[in-house]
Amino acid sequence: MNVLAIDSSNLVMGVAVASDGRMLGELMTNNKKNHSERLMPAIAQLLEDAGIKPEEIDRIAVAQGPGSYTGLRIGVTVAKMMAWTLKKELVGVSSLEIVAQNGIHFDGLVVPFFDARRGQVFTGVYKSEKNQVISVARDKLLLMENWIEELKQTNKPVLFLSNDIEKWAERLKSIPNAVFGTPAQNIPRPSELARLGVEKLPAADIHHFLPTYLRLAEAEAKWQAKQER
């Protein structure tokens, strides 16, 4: 099976292509550049370098969220467009689950998170079991201060994985047994997305496939609040 992986859900933009479990190529950037302008050229370059034609793709795996509202829309729209026009399978994977794979060798709780502004984070809880990283608490949006207090109650080591680790590092140090991921562990790897994309069931209906926002866009929230008033 040839799998194309697409992730533009957060600051990191990544694409990868794998064939029958063998990684053929991976392209990543970790800076503030416009995903909408760079994603399709990156896919085209990667497929050309890997020697895979678009029609030879069997499945497209996309980071479904949570994450940046704009970034999610870009990645999911491109993935849906390609899946529909090429008549290929489409699979969505939690953006947090992708990062959590970097904690596969950690004995304890693996807690990936993305900064969601206003003191909030998107986060979840995972653990390594039988050489797999599995979810033990659903992905959610909450105040980081509340999350820290909750995690202080555990007696297990906690590995934090995040591209936003520096913003919260001092507060997270108040958690007993807190461990911080390395720079390489803190970013999502599209190669892991490609692997996870093989393991999950494809979407039943491409047209109704949507990003996992976990919250309304700011403009929508303001509009809704205005209507309620």
C-alpha atoms as a PDB file:
ATOM      1  CA  MET A   1       0.000   0.000   0.000  1.00  0.00           C
ATOM      2  CA  ASN A   2       1.280   3.452  -0.951  1.00  0.00           C
ATOM      3  CA  VAL A   3       0.377   6.080   1.662  1.00  0.00           C
ATOM      4  CA  LEU A   4       0.690   9.850   1.399  1.00  0.00           C
ATOM      5  CA  ALA A   5       0.709  11.656   4.763  1.00  0.00           C
ATOM      6  CA  ILE A   6      -0.215  15.344   5.107  1.00  0.00           C
ATOM      7  CA  ASP A   7       0.094  17.470   8.254  1.00  0.00           C
ATOM      8  CA  SER A   8      -0.426  21.239   8.332  1.00  0.00           C
ATOM      9  CA  SER A   9      -2.423  21.285  11.561  1.00  0.00           C
ATOM     10  CA  ASN A  10       0.117  23.360  13.506  1.00  0.00           C
ATOM     11  CA  LEU A  11       3.396  25.240  13.029  1.00  0.00           C
ATOM     12  CA  VAL A  12       5.135  22.192  11.554  1.00  0.00           C
ATOM     13  CA  MET A  13       4.197  21.410   7.982  1.00  0.00           C
ATOM     14  CA  GLY A  14       5.061  17.857   7.005  1.00  0.00           C
ATOM     15  CA  VAL A  15       4.433  15.397   4.214  1.00  0.00           C
ATOM     16  CA  ALA A  16       5.635  11.827   3.850  1.00  0.00           C
ATOM     17  CA  VAL A  17       5.146   8.915   1.494  1.00  0.00           C
ATOM     18  CA  ALA A  18       5.467   5.233   2.417  1.00  0.00           C
ATOM     19  CA  SER A  19       5.114   2.015   0.462  1.00  0.00           C
ATOM     20  CA  ASP A  20       4.236  -1.262   2.208  1.00  0.00           C
ATOM     21  CA  GLY A  21       5.654  -0.005   5.490  1.00  0.00           C
ATOM     22  CA  ARG A  22       8.866   1.326   3.934  1.00  0.00           C
ATOM     23  CA  MET A  23       9.370   5.082   4.231  1.00  0.00           C
ATOM     24  CA  LEU A  24      10.254   6.506   0.824  1.00  0.00           C
ATOM     25  CA  GLY A  25      10.502  10.151   1.778  1.00  0.00           C
ATOM     26  CA  GLU A  26       9.661  12.810   4.335  1.00  0.00           C
ATOM     27  CA  LEU A  27       9.661  16.602   4.085  1.00  0.00           C
ATOM     28  CA  MET A  28       9.199  18.921   7.079  1.00  0.00           C
ATOM     29  CA  THR A  29       9.470  22.593   7.965  1.00  0.00           C
ATOM     30  CA  ASN A  30       9.137  24.121  11.444  1.00  0.00           C
ATOM     31  CA  ASN A  31       8.692  27.851  10.950  1.00  0.00           C
ATOM     32  CA  LYS A  32       6.043  30.508  10.431  1.00  0.00           C
ATOM     33  CA  LYS A  33       5.437  30.283   6.709  1.00  0.00           C
ATOM     34  CA  ASN A  34       2.211  30.095   4.762  1.00  0.00           C
ATOM     35  CA  HIS A  35       1.062  26.464   4.577  1.00  0.00           C
ATOM     36  CA  SER A  36      -1.500  27.339   1.899  1.00  0.00           C
ATOM     37  CA  GLU A  37       1.241  28.394  -0.513  1.00  0.00           C
ATOM     38  CA  ARG A  38       3.723  25.647   0.287  1.00  0.00           C
ATOM     39  CA  LEU A  39       1.763  22.457   0.902  1.00  0.00           C
ATOM     40  CA  MET A  40       0.910  21.427  -2.671  1.00  0.00           C
ATOM     41  CA  PRO A  41       4.445  22.169  -4.007  1.00  0.00           C
ATOM     42  CA  ALA A  42       5.867  20.126  -1.119  1.00  0.00           C
ATOM     43  CA  ILE A  43       3.610  17.172  -1.997  1.00  0.00           C
ATOM     44  CA  ALA A  44       4.526  17.391  -5.676  1.00  0.00           C
ATOM     45  CA  GLN A  45       8.251  17.547  -4.882  1.00  0.00           C
ATOM     46  CA  LEU A  46       8.098  14.627  -2.454  1.00  0.00           C
ATOM     47  CA  LEU A  47       6.162  12.361  -4.814  1.00  0.00           C
ATOM     48  CA  GLU A  48       8.577  13.151  -7.639  1.00  0.00           C
ATOM     49  CA  ASP A  49      11.610  12.458  -5.427  1.00  0.00           C
ATOM     50  CA  ALA A  50      10.049   9.191  -4.201  1.00  0.00           C
ATOM     51  CA  GLY A  51       9.208   8.060  -7.731  1.00  0.00           C
ATOM     52  CA  ILE A  52       5.495   7.755  -6.938  1.00  0.00           C
ATOM     53  CA  LYS A  53       2.836   9.078  -9.300  1.00  0.00           C
ATOM     54  CA  PRO A  54      -0.309  10.585  -7.737  1.00  0.00           C
ATOM     55  CA  GLU A  55      -2.470   7.855  -9.256  1.00  0.00           C
ATOM     56  CA  GLU A  56      -0.267   5.219  -7.582  1.00  0.00           C
ATOM     57  CA  ILE A  57      -1.262   6.432  -4.096  1.00  0.00           C
ATOM     58  CA  ASP A  58      -3.659   4.033  -2.365  1.00  0.00           C
ATOM     59  CA  ARG A  59      -4.466   6.016   0.756  1.00  0.00           C
ATOM     60  CA  ILE A  60      -4.093   9.574   2.039  1.00  0.00           C
ATOM     61  CA  ALA A  61      -3.593  10.114   5.779  1.00  0.00           C
ATOM     62  CA  VAL A  62      -4.149  13.598   7.153  1.00  0.00           C
ATOM     63  CA  ALA A  63      -3.652  15.174  10.574  1.00  0.00           C
ATOM     64  CA  GLN A  64      -7.285  15.822  11.519  1.00  0.00           C
ATOM     65  CA  GLY A  65      -6.729  18.032  14.546  1.00  0.00           C
ATOM     66  CA  PRO A  66      -6.855  19.578  17.000  1.00  0.00           C
ATOM     67  CA  GLY A  67      -4.671  22.506  16.078  1.00  0.00           C
ATOM     68  CA  SER A  68      -4.648  25.753  14.151  1.00  0.00           C
ATOM     69  CA  TYR A  69      -8.044  26.468  12.617  1.00  0.00           C
ATOM     70  CA  THR A  70      -6.527  27.724   9.362  1.00  0.00           C
ATOM     71  CA  GLY A  71      -3.844  25.057   9.221  1.00  0.00           C
ATOM     72  CA  LEU A  72      -6.379  22.284   9.726  1.00  0.00           C
ATOM     73  CA  ARG A  73      -8.623  23.595   6.970  1.00  0.00           C
ATOM     74  CA  ILE A  74      -5.706  23.743   4.552  1.00  0.00           C
ATOM     75  CA  GLY A  75      -4.476  20.205   5.220  1.00  0.00           C
ATOM     76  CA  VAL A  76      -7.901  18.572   5.322  1.00  0.00           C
ATOM     77  CA  THR A  77      -9.084  20.416   2.199  1.00  0.00           C
ATOM     78  CA  VAL A  78      -6.033  19.327   0.217  1.00  0.00           C
ATOM     79  CA  ALA A  79      -6.357  15.740   1.453  1.00  0.00           C
ATOM     80  CA  LYS A  80     -10.070  15.595   0.609  1.00  0.00           C
ATOM     81  CA  MET A  81      -9.519  17.129  -2.812  1.00  0.00           C
ATOM     82  CA  MET A  82      -6.804  14.608  -3.682  1.00  0.00           C
ATOM     83  CA  ALA A  83      -8.741  11.646  -2.272  1.00  0.00           C
ATOM     84  CA  TRP A  84     -11.862  12.609  -4.220  1.00  0.00           C
ATOM     85  CA  THR A  85     -10.220  13.406  -7.561  1.00  0.00           C
ATOM     86  CA  LEU A  86      -7.872  10.397  -7.441  1.00  0.00           C
ATOM     87  CA  LYS A  87     -10.585   8.118  -5.978  1.00  0.00           C
ATOM     88  CA  LYS A  88      -8.381   7.081  -3.058  1.00  0.00           C
ATOM     89  CA  GLU A  89      -9.039   6.216   0.601  1.00  0.00           C
ATOM     90  CA  LEU A  90      -8.886   9.014   3.179  1.00  0.00           C
ATOM     91  CA  VAL A  91      -7.868   8.497   6.812  1.00  0.00           C
ATOM     92  CA  GLY A  92      -7.852  11.050   9.628  1.00  0.00           C
ATOM     93  CA  VAL A  93      -5.447  10.814  12.575  1.00  0.00           C
ATOM     94  CA  SER A  94      -5.380  12.897  15.757  1.00  0.00           C
ATOM     95  CA  SER A  95      -2.655  15.536  15.552  1.00  0.00           C
ATOM     96  CA  LEU A  96      -1.848  14.873  19.204  1.00  0.00           C
ATOM     97  CA  GLU A  97      -1.582  11.131  18.611  1.00  0.00           C
ATOM     98  CA  ILE A  98       1.062  11.786  15.957  1.00  0.00           C
ATOM     99  CA  VAL A  99       3.265  13.688  18.422  1.00  0.00           C
ATOM    100  CA  ALA A 100       2.642  11.083  21.120  1.00  0.00           C
ATOM    101  CA  GLN A 101       4.384   8.439  18.986  1.00  0.00           C
ATOM    102  CA  ASN A 102       7.683  10.085  19.926  1.00  0.00           C
ATOM    103  CA  GLY A 103       7.182   8.785  23.459  1.00  0.00           C
ATOM    104  CA  ILE A 104       6.984   5.111  22.508  1.00  0.00           C
ATOM    105  CA  HIS A 105       9.986   4.197  24.686  1.00  0.00           C
ATOM    106  CA  PHE A 106       8.828   6.183  27.729  1.00  0.00           C
ATOM    107  CA  ASP A 107       7.636   4.290  30.829  1.00  0.00           C
ATOM    108  CA  GLY A 108       4.890   6.526  32.158  1.00  0.00           C
ATOM    109  CA  LEU A 109       2.283   8.946  30.836  1.00  0.00           C
ATOM    110  CA  VAL A 110       2.907  10.653  27.505  1.00  0.00           C
ATOM    111  CA  VAL A 111       1.226  14.066  27.345  1.00  0.00           C
ATOM    112  CA  PRO A 112       1.417  15.913  24.014  1.00  0.00           C
ATOM    113  CA  PHE A 113      -0.025  19.423  23.869  1.00  0.00           C
ATOM    114  CA  PHE A 114      -0.432  22.403  21.550  1.00  0.00           C
ATOM    115  CA  ASP A 115      -0.792  25.954  22.815  1.00  0.00           C
ATOM    116  CA  ALA A 116      -4.339  27.203  22.109  1.00  0.00           C
ATOM    117  CA  ARG A 117      -3.889  30.795  23.360  1.00  0.00           C
ATOM    118  CA  ARG A 118      -5.623  32.521  26.265  1.00  0.00           C
ATOM    119  CA  GLY A 119      -3.952  30.113  28.695  1.00  0.00           C
ATOM    120  CA  GLN A 120      -5.494  27.093  27.010  1.00  0.00           C
ATOM    121  CA  VAL A 121      -3.969  23.977  25.449  1.00  0.00           C
ATOM    122  CA  PHE A 122      -5.101  21.107  23.280  1.00  0.00           C
ATOM    123  CA  THR A 123      -3.896  17.968  25.007  1.00  0.00           C
ATOM    124  CA  GLY A 124      -4.428  14.278  25.670  1.00  0.00           C
ATOM    125  CA  VAL A 125      -2.876  11.394  27.594  1.00  0.00           C
ATOM    126  CA  TYR A 126      -1.166   8.408  26.018  1.00  0.00           C
ATOM    127  CA  LYS A 127       1.078   5.557  27.123  1.00  0.00           C
ATOM    128  CA  SER A 128       3.384   3.000  25.545  1.00  0.00           C
ATOM    129  CA  GLU A 129       2.066  -0.543  25.718  1.00  0.00           C
ATOM    130  CA  LYS A 130       3.292  -3.599  23.805  1.00  0.00           C
ATOM    131  CA  ASN A 131       5.360  -1.436  21.472  1.00  0.00           C
ATOM    132  CA  GLN A 132       2.379   0.788  20.662  1.00  0.00           C
ATOM    133  CA  VAL A 133       1.352   4.230  21.853  1.00  0.00           C
ATOM    134  CA  ILE A 134      -2.291   4.133  22.900  1.00  0.00           C
ATOM    135  CA  SER A 135      -4.705   6.796  24.132  1.00  0.00           C
ATOM    136  CA  VAL A 136      -5.772   6.608  27.785  1.00  0.00           C
ATOM    137  CA  ALA A 137      -7.679   9.929  27.921  1.00  0.00           C
ATOM    138  CA  ARG A 138      -9.459  11.651  25.064  1.00  0.00           C
ATOM    139  CA  ASP A 139      -8.024  14.740  23.389  1.00  0.00           C
ATOM    140  CA  LYS A 140      -9.462  17.919  24.871  1.00  0.00           C
ATOM    141  CA  LEU A 141      -9.177  21.676  25.214  1.00  0.00           C
ATOM    142  CA  LEU A 142      -8.665  23.104  28.707  1.00  0.00           C
ATOM    143  CA  LEU A 143      -6.841  25.722  30.732  1.00  0.00           C
ATOM    144  CA  MET A 144      -3.218  24.745  31.259  1.00  0.00           C
ATOM    145  CA  GLU A 145      -3.353  25.804  34.924  1.00  0.00           C
ATOM    146  CA  ASN A 146      -6.201  23.335  35.521  1.00  0.00           C
ATOM    147  CA  TRP A 147      -4.343  20.643  33.584  1.00  0.00           C
ATOM    148  CA  ILE A 148      -1.220  21.135  35.673  1.00  0.00           C
ATOM    149  CA  GLU A 149      -3.178  20.765  38.909  1.00  0.00           C
ATOM    150  CA  GLU A 150      -4.788  17.587  37.606  1.00  0.00           C
ATOM    151  CA  LEU A 151      -1.479  16.052  36.560  1.00  0.00           C
ATOM    152  CA  LYS A 152       0.062  16.805  39.947  1.00  0.00           C
ATOM    153  CA  GLN A 153      -2.175  14.069  41.344  1.00  0.00           C
ATOM    154  CA  THR A 154      -0.471  11.274  39.405  1.00  0.00           C
ATOM    155  CA  ASN A 155       2.453   9.324  40.841  1.00  0.00           C
ATOM    156  CA  LYS A 156       3.700   8.283  37.400  1.00  0.00           C
ATOM    157  CA  PRO A 157       6.416   9.993  35.363  1.00  0.00           C
ATOM    158  CA  VAL A 158       4.904  12.389  32.826  1.00  0.00           C
ATOM    159  CA  LEU A 159       6.599  13.073  29.487  1.00  0.00           C
ATOM    160  CA  PHE A 160       5.512  16.382  27.949  1.00  0.00           C
ATOM    161  CA  LEU A 161       5.847  16.643  24.188  1.00  0.00           C
ATOM    162  CA  SER A 162       5.194  19.971  22.505  1.00  0.00           C
ATOM    163  CA  ASN A 163       6.620  22.477  20.071  1.00  0.00           C
ATOM    164  CA  ASP A 164       5.360  25.040  22.618  1.00  0.00           C
ATOM    165  CA  ILE A 165       7.228  23.522  25.577  1.00  0.00           C
ATOM    166  CA  GLU A 166       9.305  26.648  26.301  1.00  0.00           C
ATOM    167  CA  LYS A 167       6.213  28.786  26.941  1.00  0.00           C
ATOM    168  CA  TRP A 168       5.043  26.476  29.736  1.00  0.00           C
ATOM    169  CA  ALA A 169       8.312  24.947  30.969  1.00  0.00           C
ATOM    170  CA  GLU A 170       8.536  26.836  34.277  1.00  0.00           C
ATOM    171  CA  ARG A 171       4.975  26.009  35.296  1.00  0.00           C
ATOM    172  CA  LEU A 172       5.289  22.377  34.224  1.00  0.00           C
ATOM    173  CA  LYS A 173       8.310  21.934  36.471  1.00  0.00           C
ATOM    174  CA  SER A 174       5.916  22.125  39.424  1.00  0.00           C
ATOM    175  CA  ILE A 175       4.628  18.656  38.488  1.00  0.00           C
ATOM    176  CA  PRO A 176       6.493  15.842  40.272  1.00  0.00           C
ATOM    177  CA  ASN A 177       8.269  13.473  37.860  1.00  0.00           C
ATOM    178  CA  ALA A 178       7.781  15.843  34.889  1.00  0.00           C
ATOM    179  CA  VAL A 179      10.048  15.063  31.929  1.00  0.00           C
ATOM    180  CA  PHE A 180      10.436  17.251  28.841  1.00  0.00           C
ATOM    181  CA  GLY A 181      10.849  15.876  25.353  1.00  0.00           C
ATOM    182  CA  THR A 182      13.903  16.666  23.267  1.00  0.00           C
ATOM    183  CA  PRO A 183      13.553  19.122  20.350  1.00  0.00           C
ATOM    184  CA  ALA A 184      13.261  16.173  17.962  1.00  0.00           C
ATOM    185  CA  GLN A 185      10.583  14.512  20.121  1.00  0.00           C
ATOM    186  CA  ASN A 186       8.516  17.674  20.403  1.00  0.00           C
ATOM    187  CA  ILE A 187       7.472  17.884  16.774  1.00  0.00           C
ATOM    188  CA  PRO A 188       5.070  15.653  14.814  1.00  0.00           C
ATOM    189  CA  ARG A 189       6.652  13.388  12.227  1.00  0.00           C
ATOM    190  CA  PRO A 190       4.716  12.855   8.995  1.00  0.00           C
ATOM    191  CA  SER A 191       6.401   9.456   8.749  1.00  0.00           C
ATOM    192  CA  GLU A 192       4.523   8.462  11.931  1.00  0.00           C
ATOM    193  CA  LEU A 193       1.315   9.816  10.410  1.00  0.00           C
ATOM    194  CA  ALA A 194       1.885   7.600   7.368  1.00  0.00           C
ATOM    195  CA  ARG A 195       2.355   4.565   9.605  1.00  0.00           C
ATOM    196  CA  LEU A 196      -0.746   5.326  11.665  1.00  0.00           C
ATOM    197  CA  GLY A 197      -2.691   5.919   8.473  1.00  0.00           C
ATOM    198  CA  VAL A 198      -2.264   2.263   7.535  1.00  0.00           C
ATOM    199  CA  GLU A 199      -3.607   1.053  10.873  1.00  0.00           C
ATOM    200  CA  LYS A 200      -6.839   3.073  10.938  1.00  0.00           C
ATOM    201  CA  LEU A 201     -10.078   2.632   9.013  1.00  0.00           C
ATOM    202  CA  PRO A 202     -10.681   5.008   6.097  1.00  0.00           C
ATOM    203  CA  ALA A 203     -13.474   7.565   6.153  1.00  0.00           C
ATOM    204  CA  ALA A 204     -16.802   6.183   4.979  1.00  0.00           C
ATOM    205  CA  ASP A 205     -17.748   9.455   3.271  1.00  0.00           C
ATOM    206  CA  ILE A 206     -15.052  11.830   2.038  1.00  0.00           C
ATOM    207  CA  HIS A 207     -17.523  14.709   1.603  1.00  0.00           C
ATOM    208  CA  HIS A 208     -18.516  14.641   5.284  1.00  0.00           C
ATOM    209  CA  PHE A 209     -14.963  14.288   6.605  1.00  0.00           C
ATOM    210  CA  LEU A 210     -14.217  17.293   8.852  1.00  0.00           C
ATOM    211  CA  PRO A 211     -11.323  18.577  10.968  1.00  0.00           C
ATOM    212  CA  THR A 212     -11.438  18.029  14.728  1.00  0.00           C
ATOM    213  CA  TYR A 213     -11.386  21.598  16.015  1.00  0.00           C
ATOM    214  CA  LEU A 214     -12.413  20.997  19.670  1.00  0.00           C
ATOM    215  CA  ARG A 215     -13.600  24.625  19.624  1.00  0.00           C
ATOM    216  CA  LEU A 216     -15.217  27.181  17.354  1.00  0.00           C
ATOM    217  CA  ALA A 217     -13.094  29.523  15.289  1.00  0.00           C
ATOM    218  CA  GLU A 218     -12.765  32.925  16.976  1.00  0.00           C
ATOM    219  CA  ALA A 219     -15.031  34.609  14.418  1.00  0.00           C
ATOM    220  CA  GLU A 220     -17.684  31.920  14.848  1.00  0.00           C
ATOM    221  CA  ALA A 221     -17.513  32.162  18.642  1.00  0.00           C
ATOM    222  CA  LYS A 222     -17.995  35.935  18.511  1.00  0.00           C
ATOM    223  CA  TRP A 223     -20.916  35.566  16.105  1.00  0.00           C
ATOM    224  CA  GLN A 224     -22.534  32.936  18.319  1.00  0.00           C
ATOM    225  CA  ALA A 225     -22.106  35.096  21.427  1.00  0.00           C
ATOM    226  CA  LYS A 226     -23.654  38.037  19.575  1.00  0.00           C
ATOM    227  CA  GLN A 227     -26.657  35.902  18.568  1.00  0.00           C
ATOM    228  CA  GLU A 228     -27.141  34.705  22.146  1.00  0.00           C
ATOM    229  CA  ARG A 229     -27.169  38.297  23.389  1.00  0.00           C
END
